[in-house]
C-alpha atoms as a PDB file:
ATOM      1  CA  UNK A   1     -71.601  59.425  20.244  1.00  0.00           C
ATOM      2  CA  UNK A   2     -71.899  55.770  21.271  1.00  0.00           C
ATOM      3  CA  UNK A   3     -69.226  54.749  18.732  1.00  0.00           C
ATOM      4  CA  UNK A   4     -66.910  57.432  19.905  1.00  0.00           C
ATOM      5  CA  UNK A   5     -67.243  56.358  23.543  1.00  0.00           C
ATOM      6  CA  UNK A   6     -67.579  52.605  22.890  1.00  0.00           C
ATOM      7  CA  UNK A   7     -64.415  52.344  20.815  1.00  0.00           C
ATOM      8  CA  UNK A   8     -62.030  53.001  23.705  1.00  0.00           C
ATOM      9  CA  UNK A   9     -64.163  50.822  25.999  1.00  0.00           C
ATOM     10  CA  UNK A  10     -63.810  47.862  23.654  1.00  0.00           C
ATOM     11  CA  UNK A  11     -60.059  48.526  23.289  1.00  0.00           C
ATOM     12  CA  UNK A  12     -59.638  48.519  27.066  1.00  0.00           C
ATOM     13  CA  UNK A  13     -61.559  45.258  27.303  1.00  0.00           C
ATOM     14  CA  UNK A  14     -59.391  43.660  24.659  1.00  0.00           C
ATOM     15  CA  UNK A  15     -56.266  44.791  26.513  1.00  0.00           C
ATOM     16  CA  UNK A  16     -57.507  43.219  29.744  1.00  0.00           C
ATOM     17  CA  UNK A  17     -58.315  40.017  27.871  1.00  0.00           C
ATOM     18  CA  UNK A  18     -54.796  39.847  26.426  1.00  0.00           C
ATOM     19  CA  UNK A  19     -53.298  40.427  29.865  1.00  0.00           C
ATOM     20  CA  UNK A  20     -55.447  37.644  31.288  1.00  0.00           C
ATOM     21  CA  UNK A  21     -54.372  35.280  28.517  1.00  0.00           C
ATOM     22  CA  UNK A  22     -50.723  36.092  29.164  1.00  0.00           C
ATOM     23  CA  UNK A  23     -51.197  35.378  32.863  1.00  0.00           C
ATOM     24  CA  UNK A  24     -52.873  32.046  32.105  1.00  0.00           C
ATOM     25  CA  UNK A  25     -50.070  31.061  29.763  1.00  0.00           C
ATOM     26  CA  UNK A  26     -47.482  32.001  32.390  1.00  0.00           C
ATOM     27  CA  UNK A  27     -49.218  29.932  35.047  1.00  0.00           C
ATOM     28  CA  UNK A  28     -49.468  26.963  32.684  1.00  0.00           C
ATOM     29  CA  UNK A  29     -45.743  27.280  31.918  1.00  0.00           C
ATOM     30  CA  UNK A  30     -44.845  27.376  35.625  1.00  0.00           C
ATOM     31  CA  UNK A  31     -47.021  24.344  36.332  1.00  0.00           C
ATOM     32  CA  UNK A  32     -45.423  22.500  33.429  1.00  0.00           C
ATOM     33  CA  UNK A  33     -41.929  23.284  34.727  1.00  0.00           C
ATOM     34  CA  UNK A  34     -42.873  22.094  38.199  1.00  0.00           C
ATOM     35  CA  UNK A  35     -44.184  18.808  36.783  1.00  0.00           C
ATOM     36  CA  UNK A  36     -41.052  18.412  34.671  1.00  0.00           C
ATOM     37  CA  UNK A  37     -38.826  19.056  37.690  1.00  0.00           C
ATOM     38  CA  UNK A  38     -40.805  16.559  39.768  1.00  0.00           C
ATOM     39  CA  UNK A  39     -40.490  13.989  36.974  1.00  0.00           C
ATOM     40  CA  UNK A  40     -36.752  14.640  36.716  1.00  0.00           C
ATOM     41  CA  UNK A  41     -36.321  14.185  40.464  1.00  0.00           C
ATOM     42  CA  UNK A  42     -38.259  10.926  40.309  1.00  0.00           C
ATOM     43  CA  UNK A  43     -36.120   9.732  37.426  1.00  0.00           C
ATOM     44  CA  UNK A  44     -32.965  10.762  39.328  1.00  0.00           C
ATOM     45  CA  UNK A  45     -33.858   8.478  42.250  1.00  0.00           C
ATOM     46  CA  UNK A  46     -32.529   4.991  41.522  1.00  0.00           C
ATOM     47  CA  UNK A  47     -34.960   2.107  41.461  1.00  0.00           C
ATOM     48  CA  UNK A  48     -34.193  -1.186  43.272  1.00  0.00           C
ATOM     49  CA  UNK A  49     -33.028  -2.739  40.001  1.00  0.00           C
ATOM     50  CA  UNK A  50     -30.566   0.131  39.498  1.00  0.00           C
ATOM     51  CA  UNK A  51     -29.335  -0.133  43.096  1.00  0.00           C
ATOM     52  CA  UNK A  52     -28.776  -3.846  42.557  1.00  0.00           C
ATOM     53  CA  UNK A  53     -26.878  -3.115  39.344  1.00  0.00           C
ATOM     54  CA  UNK A  54     -24.679  -0.629  41.213  1.00  0.00           C
ATOM     55  CA  UNK A  55     -24.060  -3.117  44.028  1.00  0.00           C
ATOM     56  CA  UNK A  56     -23.144  -5.881  41.601  1.00  0.00           C
ATOM     57  CA  UNK A  57     -20.797  -3.668  39.610  1.00  0.00           C
ATOM     58  CA  UNK A  58     -19.148  -2.194  42.733  1.00  0.00           C
ATOM     59  CA  UNK A  59     -18.616  -5.710  44.063  1.00  0.00           C
ATOM     60  CA  UNK A  60     -17.057  -6.796  40.765  1.00  0.00           C
ATOM     61  CA  UNK A  61     -14.700  -3.824  40.973  1.00  0.00           C
ATOM     62  CA  UNK A  62     -13.607  -4.858  44.470  1.00  0.00           C
ATOM     63  CA  UNK A  63     -15.606  -2.571  46.751  1.00  0.00           C
ATOM     64  CA  UNK A  64     -17.080  -4.129  49.904  1.00  0.00           C
ATOM     65  CA  UNK A  65     -20.813  -3.920  49.241  1.00  0.00           C
ATOM     66  CA  UNK A  66     -22.428  -6.449  51.525  1.00  0.00           C
ATOM     67  CA  UNK A  67     -25.398  -8.423  50.108  1.00  0.00           C
ATOM     68  CA  UNK A  68     -26.376  -7.601  46.513  1.00  0.00           C
ATOM     69  CA  UNK A  69     -30.074  -7.202  47.197  1.00  0.00           C
ATOM     70  CA  UNK A  70     -31.196  -3.888  45.671  1.00  0.00           C
ATOM     71  CA  UNK A  71     -31.416  -2.185  49.066  1.00  0.00           C
ATOM     72  CA  UNK A  72     -29.443   1.002  49.599  1.00  0.00           C
ATOM     73  CA  UNK A  73     -28.220   0.104  53.087  1.00  0.00           C
ATOM     74  CA  UNK A  74     -25.176   1.052  55.151  1.00  0.00           C
ATOM     75  CA  UNK A  75     -22.922  -1.380  53.279  1.00  0.00           C
ATOM     76  CA  UNK A  76     -24.031  -0.107  49.867  1.00  0.00           C
ATOM     77  CA  UNK A  77     -23.437   3.490  50.920  1.00  0.00           C
ATOM     78  CA  UNK A  78     -20.008   2.552  52.288  1.00  0.00           C
ATOM     79  CA  UNK A  79     -19.038   0.942  48.971  1.00  0.00           C
ATOM     80  CA  UNK A  80     -20.283   3.988  47.084  1.00  0.00           C
ATOM     81  CA  UNK A  81     -18.225   6.330  49.278  1.00  0.00           C
ATOM     82  CA  UNK A  82     -15.145   4.151  48.730  1.00  0.00           C
ATOM     83  CA  UNK A  83     -15.782   4.371  44.977  1.00  0.00           C
ATOM     84  CA  UNK A  84     -16.168   8.151  45.165  1.00  0.00           C
ATOM     85  CA  UNK A  85     -12.941   8.428  47.149  1.00  0.00           C
ATOM     86  CA  UNK A  86     -10.957   6.328  44.692  1.00  0.00           C
ATOM     87  CA  UNK A  87     -12.348   8.168  41.665  1.00  0.00           C
ATOM     88  CA  UNK A  88     -11.856  11.575  43.332  1.00  0.00           C
ATOM     89  CA  UNK A  89     -15.551  12.371  43.067  1.00  0.00           C
ATOM     90  CA  UNK A  90     -17.623  14.366  45.584  1.00  0.00           C
ATOM     91  CA  UNK A  91     -18.155  12.096  48.579  1.00  0.00           C
ATOM     92  CA  UNK A  92     -21.924  12.442  48.806  1.00  0.00           C
ATOM     93  CA  UNK A  93     -22.810   8.825  49.539  1.00  0.00           C
ATOM     94  CA  UNK A  94     -25.828   9.328  47.266  1.00  0.00           C
ATOM     95  CA  UNK A  95     -26.530   7.004  44.351  1.00  0.00           C
ATOM     96  CA  UNK A  96     -27.764   9.213  41.531  1.00  0.00           C
ATOM     97  CA  UNK A  97     -28.105   8.206  37.902  1.00  0.00           C
ATOM     98  CA  UNK A  98     -24.929  10.168  37.238  1.00  0.00           C
ATOM     99  CA  UNK A  99     -23.058   8.109  39.847  1.00  0.00           C
ATOM    100  CA  UNK A 100     -24.492   4.900  38.417  1.00  0.00           C
ATOM    101  CA  UNK A 101     -23.204   5.812  34.968  1.00  0.00           C
ATOM    102  CA  UNK A 102     -19.767   6.551  36.448  1.00  0.00           C
ATOM    103  CA  UNK A 103     -19.775   3.157  38.185  1.00  0.00           C
ATOM    104  CA  UNK A 104     -20.620   1.453  34.892  1.00  0.00           C
ATOM    105  CA  UNK A 105     -17.609   3.049  33.182  1.00  0.00           C
ATOM    106  CA  UNK A 106     -15.052   2.662  35.977  1.00  0.00           C
ATOM    107  CA  UNK A 107     -12.233   0.172  36.478  1.00  0.00           C
ATOM    108  CA  UNK A 108     -10.983  -1.639  39.572  1.00  0.00           C
ATOM    109  CA  UNK A 109      -8.787   0.128  42.141  1.00  0.00           C
ATOM    110  CA  UNK A 110      -5.116  -0.828  42.011  1.00  0.00           C
ATOM    111  CA  UNK A 111      -3.020  -1.696  45.031  1.00  0.00           C
ATOM    112  CA  UNK A 112       0.359  -0.024  45.449  1.00  0.00           C
ATOM    113  CA  UNK A 113       2.002  -3.460  45.579  1.00  0.00           C
ATOM    114  CA  UNK A 114       0.872  -6.877  44.405  1.00  0.00           C
ATOM    115  CA  UNK A 115       2.128 -10.452  44.439  1.00  0.00           C
ATOM    116  CA  UNK A 116       1.739 -11.165  48.147  1.00  0.00           C
ATOM    117  CA  UNK A 117      -1.003 -11.044  50.752  1.00  0.00           C
ATOM    118  CA  UNK A 118      -1.155  -7.798  52.719  1.00  0.00           C
ATOM    119  CA  UNK A 119      -3.300  -4.815  53.625  1.00  0.00           C
ATOM    120  CA  UNK A 120      -2.760  -1.260  52.431  1.00  0.00           C
ATOM    121  CA  UNK A 121      -4.046   1.946  54.002  1.00  0.00           C
ATOM    122  CA  UNK A 122      -3.965   4.857  51.558  1.00  0.00           C
ATOM    123  CA  UNK A 123      -4.081   7.884  53.862  1.00  0.00           C
ATOM    124  CA  UNK A 124      -4.523  10.378  51.032  1.00  0.00           C
ATOM    125  CA  UNK A 125      -7.568   8.599  49.649  1.00  0.00           C
ATOM    126  CA  UNK A 126      -8.745   7.404  53.072  1.00  0.00           C
ATOM    127  CA  UNK A 127      -9.123   3.833  51.858  1.00  0.00           C
ATOM    128  CA  UNK A 128      -8.165   0.374  53.068  1.00  0.00           C
ATOM    129  CA  UNK A 129      -7.269  -2.198  50.409  1.00  0.00           C
ATOM    130  CA  UNK A 130      -7.059  -5.916  51.125  1.00  0.00           C
ATOM    131  CA  UNK A 131      -4.740  -7.661  48.670  1.00  0.00           C
ATOM    132  CA  UNK A 132      -4.200 -11.347  47.972  1.00  0.00           C
ATOM    133  CA  UNK A 133      -1.484 -12.908  45.835  1.00  0.00           C
ATOM    134  CA  UNK A 134      -3.223 -11.995  42.585  1.00  0.00           C
ATOM    135  CA  UNK A 135      -5.373  -8.890  42.967  1.00  0.00           C
ATOM    136  CA  UNK A 136      -7.321  -6.547  45.196  1.00  0.00           C
ATOM    137  CA  UNK A 137      -9.868  -8.479  47.223  1.00  0.00           C
ATOM    138  CA  UNK A 138     -11.822  -5.779  49.061  1.00  0.00           C
ATOM    139  CA  UNK A 139     -11.808  -1.986  49.393  1.00  0.00           C
ATOM    140  CA  UNK A 140     -13.259  -0.119  52.378  1.00  0.00           C
ATOM    141  CA  UNK A 141     -13.471   3.567  53.305  1.00  0.00           C
ATOM    142  CA  UNK A 142     -11.568   4.539  56.445  1.00  0.00           C
ATOM    143  CA  UNK A 143     -10.916   7.501  58.672  1.00  0.00           C
ATOM    144  CA  UNK A 144      -7.380   8.064  60.013  1.00  0.00           C
ATOM    145  CA  UNK A 145      -5.677  10.523  62.381  1.00  0.00           C
ATOM    146  CA  UNK A 146      -6.926  14.099  62.194  1.00  0.00           C
ATOM    147  CA  UNK A 147      -3.557  15.706  62.873  1.00  0.00           C
ATOM    148  CA  UNK A 148      -5.111  17.724  65.708  1.00  0.00           C
ATOM    149  CA  UNK A 149      -3.947  17.873  69.306  1.00  0.00           C
ATOM    150  CA  UNK A 150      -5.861  15.970  71.996  1.00  0.00           C
ATOM    151  CA  UNK A 151      -5.441  15.293  75.694  1.00  0.00           C
ATOM    152  CA  UNK A 152      -5.457  11.751  77.105  1.00  0.00           C
ATOM    153  CA  UNK A 153      -4.889  11.170  80.830  1.00  0.00           C
ATOM    154  CA  UNK A 154      -3.371  14.621  81.175  1.00  0.00           C
ATOM    155  CA  UNK A 155      -0.919  14.193  78.310  1.00  0.00           C
ATOM    156  CA  UNK A 156      -1.203  16.214  75.103  1.00  0.00           C
ATOM    157  CA  UNK A 157      -0.630  14.251  71.899  1.00  0.00           C
ATOM    158  CA  UNK A 158      -1.164  14.697  68.167  1.00  0.00           C
ATOM    159  CA  UNK A 159      -3.753  12.538  66.408  1.00  0.00           C
ATOM    160  CA  UNK A 160      -1.394  10.986  63.873  1.00  0.00           C
ATOM    161  CA  UNK A 161      -1.613   7.685  62.023  1.00  0.00           C
ATOM    162  CA  UNK A 162       1.982   6.448  61.560  1.00  0.00           C
ATOM    163  CA  UNK A 163       3.149   5.715  58.026  1.00  0.00           C
ATOM    164  CA  UNK A 164       5.335   2.764  57.232  1.00  0.00           C
ATOM    165  CA  UNK A 165       5.451  -1.023  57.204  1.00  0.00           C
ATOM    166  CA  UNK A 166       3.774  -2.870  60.066  1.00  0.00           C
ATOM    167  CA  UNK A 167       2.351  -6.228  61.018  1.00  0.00           C
ATOM    168  CA  UNK A 168      -0.754  -7.161  62.999  1.00  0.00           C
ATOM    169  CA  UNK A 169       0.777  -8.129  66.347  1.00  0.00           C
ATOM    170  CA  UNK A 170      -2.288  -8.223  68.602  1.00  0.00           C
ATOM    171  CA  UNK A 171      -6.026  -8.603  68.141  1.00  0.00           C
ATOM    172  CA  UNK A 172      -9.186  -8.278  70.204  1.00  0.00           C
ATOM    173  CA  UNK A 173     -12.648  -9.724  69.718  1.00  0.00           C
ATOM    174  CA  UNK A 174     -15.905  -7.837  70.035  1.00  0.00           C
ATOM    175  CA  UNK A 175     -16.108  -4.385  71.585  1.00  0.00           C
ATOM    176  CA  UNK A 176     -13.212  -2.869  73.488  1.00  0.00           C
ATOM    177  CA  UNK A 177     -13.805   0.359  75.420  1.00  0.00           C
ATOM    178  CA  UNK A 178     -11.219   2.968  76.392  1.00  0.00           C
ATOM    179  CA  UNK A 179     -10.962   6.641  77.325  1.00  0.00           C
ATOM    180  CA  UNK A 180     -10.731   7.637  73.645  1.00  0.00           C
ATOM    181  CA  UNK A 181     -13.682   5.605  72.412  1.00  0.00           C
ATOM    182  CA  UNK A 182     -14.907   2.160  71.435  1.00  0.00           C
ATOM    183  CA  UNK A 183     -13.063  -0.285  69.173  1.00  0.00           C
ATOM    184  CA  UNK A 184     -14.729  -3.243  67.474  1.00  0.00           C
ATOM    185  CA  UNK A 185     -12.530  -6.237  66.524  1.00  0.00           C
ATOM    186  CA  UNK A 186      -9.304  -4.259  66.805  1.00  0.00           C
ATOM    187  CA  UNK A 187      -6.148  -5.266  64.924  1.00  0.00           C
ATOM    188  CA  UNK A 188      -3.128  -3.552  66.484  1.00  0.00           C
ATOM    189  CA  UNK A 189      -0.247  -2.562  64.223  1.00  0.00           C
ATOM    190  CA  UNK A 190       1.771   0.036  66.177  1.00  0.00           C
ATOM    191  CA  UNK A 191       1.549   0.881  69.875  1.00  0.00           C
ATOM    192  CA  UNK A 192      -2.078   1.722  70.545  1.00  0.00           C
ATOM    193  CA  UNK A 193      -2.870   2.254  66.861  1.00  0.00           C
ATOM    194  CA  UNK A 194      -5.287  -0.311  65.481  1.00  0.00           C
ATOM    195  CA  UNK A 195      -7.454  -1.010  62.475  1.00  0.00           C
ATOM    196  CA  UNK A 196     -10.883  -1.403  64.042  1.00  0.00           C
ATOM    197  CA  UNK A 197     -14.584  -1.152  63.444  1.00  0.00           C
ATOM    198  CA  UNK A 198     -16.521   1.937  64.454  1.00  0.00           C
ATOM    199  CA  UNK A 199     -20.111   3.119  64.198  1.00  0.00           C
ATOM    200  CA  UNK A 200     -18.779   6.499  63.111  1.00  0.00           C
ATOM    201  CA  UNK A 201     -16.469   6.579  60.079  1.00  0.00           C
ATOM    202  CA  UNK A 202     -16.280  10.138  58.701  1.00  0.00           C
ATOM    203  CA  UNK A 203     -15.232  10.625  55.098  1.00  0.00           C
ATOM    204  CA  UNK A 204     -12.259  12.722  56.270  1.00  0.00           C
ATOM    205  CA  UNK A 205      -9.439  12.077  58.812  1.00  0.00           C
ATOM    206  CA  UNK A 206     -11.040  12.453  62.252  1.00  0.00           C
ATOM    207  CA  UNK A 207      -9.556   9.810  64.579  1.00  0.00           C
ATOM    208  CA  UNK A 208      -6.980   9.977  67.379  1.00  0.00           C
ATOM    209  CA  UNK A 209      -4.622   7.913  65.201  1.00  0.00           C
ATOM    210  CA  UNK A 210      -6.425   4.611  64.725  1.00  0.00           C
ATOM    211  CA  UNK A 211      -7.770   3.465  61.364  1.00  0.00           C
ATOM    212  CA  UNK A 212     -11.545   3.183  61.551  1.00  0.00           C
ATOM    213  CA  UNK A 213     -13.523   0.944  59.227  1.00  0.00           C
ATOM    214  CA  UNK A 214     -17.325   0.542  59.030  1.00  0.00           C
ATOM    215  CA  UNK A 215     -18.580  -1.635  61.855  1.00  0.00           C
ATOM    216  CA  UNK A 216     -20.555  -3.948  59.532  1.00  0.00           C
ATOM    217  CA  UNK A 217     -17.300  -5.190  57.939  1.00  0.00           C
ATOM    218  CA  UNK A 218     -15.022  -5.237  61.004  1.00  0.00           C
ATOM    219  CA  UNK A 219     -15.570  -8.846  62.091  1.00  0.00           C
ATOM    220  CA  UNK A 220     -14.970 -10.284  58.605  1.00  0.00           C
ATOM    221  CA  UNK A 221     -12.035  -7.943  58.051  1.00  0.00           C
ATOM    222  CA  UNK A 222     -10.428  -9.196  61.257  1.00  0.00           C
ATOM    223  CA  UNK A 223     -10.704 -12.777  59.949  1.00  0.00           C
ATOM    224  CA  UNK A 224      -8.876 -11.683  56.792  1.00  0.00           C
ATOM    225  CA  UNK A 225      -6.075 -10.135  58.888  1.00  0.00           C
ATOM    226  CA  UNK A 226      -4.555 -12.905  61.034  1.00  0.00           C
ATOM    227  CA  UNK A 227      -1.629 -12.216  63.319  1.00  0.00           C
ATOM    228  CA  UNK A 228       1.447 -11.444  61.248  1.00  0.00           C
ATOM    229  CA  UNK A 229      -0.464  -9.798  58.385  1.00  0.00           C
ATOM    230  CA  UNK A 230       1.673  -7.145  56.683  1.00  0.00           C
ATOM    231  CA  UNK A 231       0.085  -3.684  56.736  1.00  0.00           C
ATOM    232  CA  UNK A 232       1.401  -0.817  54.610  1.00  0.00           C
ATOM    233  CA  UNK A 233       0.290   2.674  55.629  1.00  0.00           C
ATOM    234  CA  UNK A 234       1.299   5.423  53.206  1.00  0.00           C
ATOM    235  CA  UNK A 235       0.543   8.788  51.667  1.00  0.00           C
ATOM    236  CA  UNK A 236       1.782  10.533  48.536  1.00  0.00           C
ATOM    237  CA  UNK A 237       5.234  11.242  49.980  1.00  0.00           C
ATOM    238  CA  UNK A 238       5.922   8.148  52.068  1.00  0.00           C
ATOM    239  CA  UNK A 239       5.845   4.487  51.139  1.00  0.00           C
ATOM    240  CA  UNK A 240       7.745   1.463  52.455  1.00  0.00           C
ATOM    241  CA  UNK A 241       7.560  -1.788  50.527  1.00  0.00           C
ATOM    242  CA  UNK A 242       6.422  -4.944  52.282  1.00  0.00           C
ATOM    243  CA  UNK A 243       8.005  -7.300  49.773  1.00  0.00           C
ATOM    244  CA  UNK A 244      11.213  -7.910  51.792  1.00  0.00           C
ATOM    245  CA  UNK A 245       9.078  -9.200  54.667  1.00  0.00           C
ATOM    246  CA  UNK A 246       6.943 -11.297  52.338  1.00  0.00           C
ATOM    247  CA  UNK A 247      10.043 -12.836  50.741  1.00  0.00           C
ATOM    248  CA  UNK A 248      11.871 -13.378  54.022  1.00  0.00           C
ATOM    249  CA  UNK A 249       9.500 -14.227  56.902  1.00  0.00           C
ATOM    250  CA  UNK A 250      12.409 -14.049  59.374  1.00  0.00           C
ATOM    251  CA  UNK A 251      12.549 -10.292  58.865  1.00  0.00           C
ATOM    252  CA  UNK A 252       8.858 -10.056  59.688  1.00  0.00           C
ATOM    253  CA  UNK A 253       9.334 -12.160  62.807  1.00  0.00           C
ATOM    254  CA  UNK A 254      12.135  -9.874  63.951  1.00  0.00           C
ATOM    255  CA  UNK A 255       9.872  -6.882  63.450  1.00  0.00           C
ATOM    256  CA  UNK A 256       7.110  -8.483  65.506  1.00  0.00           C
ATOM    257  CA  UNK A 257       9.525  -9.016  68.403  1.00  0.00           C
ATOM    258  CA  UNK A 258      10.667  -5.380  68.245  1.00  0.00           C
END
């Protein structure tokens, strides 16, 4: 009688034991996955040495990085965004190990024209490229006209950044304040349109028509753009060469008078 009753009792106990073991194994597996994920996230966060490597490489490629010091600051993030824009990568502004590997394998941005000193604004890529007589000197992310309507002093206008060939005809120092916002070290190229520093430079076109650059670089950029600097603003369907002005300064002088 005891064996007949005890058999099923022992079987039930063994079943509960197996279920408990399965639960323990499941919990151990979950804990292991959590630790692995945490380790992966830690490994995905760049160390100061990796940030410094990225800064050095971005600087070599021509992106405006600021000091190469292993600190992921505003200038480093700006250079990374410029890199992501040029390479048509997601504009996250985050330096992951995947981005670092892409930076290692990349090549320098190429200006539309070379052989003379000028500045290019690629509206499609939302980038500003400073060019000397040999190669690209610096690359910065910008934000240009949004294409939306806005009202200024009762007049409705479209936020458009003009395309074409221009020169820097007027400059201002420090902060300049107006009804449409603040401009830092503005370099005027057409009417009220200027290349200027701003504390807010979105990754997409968001301005009233001006060309915003990061405020940390605006003062130095203004030094690199003296009066008379040729500025080419273009997109994928419009481009005007600046070489005639570079080869014949009289043409540029005539344009500055107009």
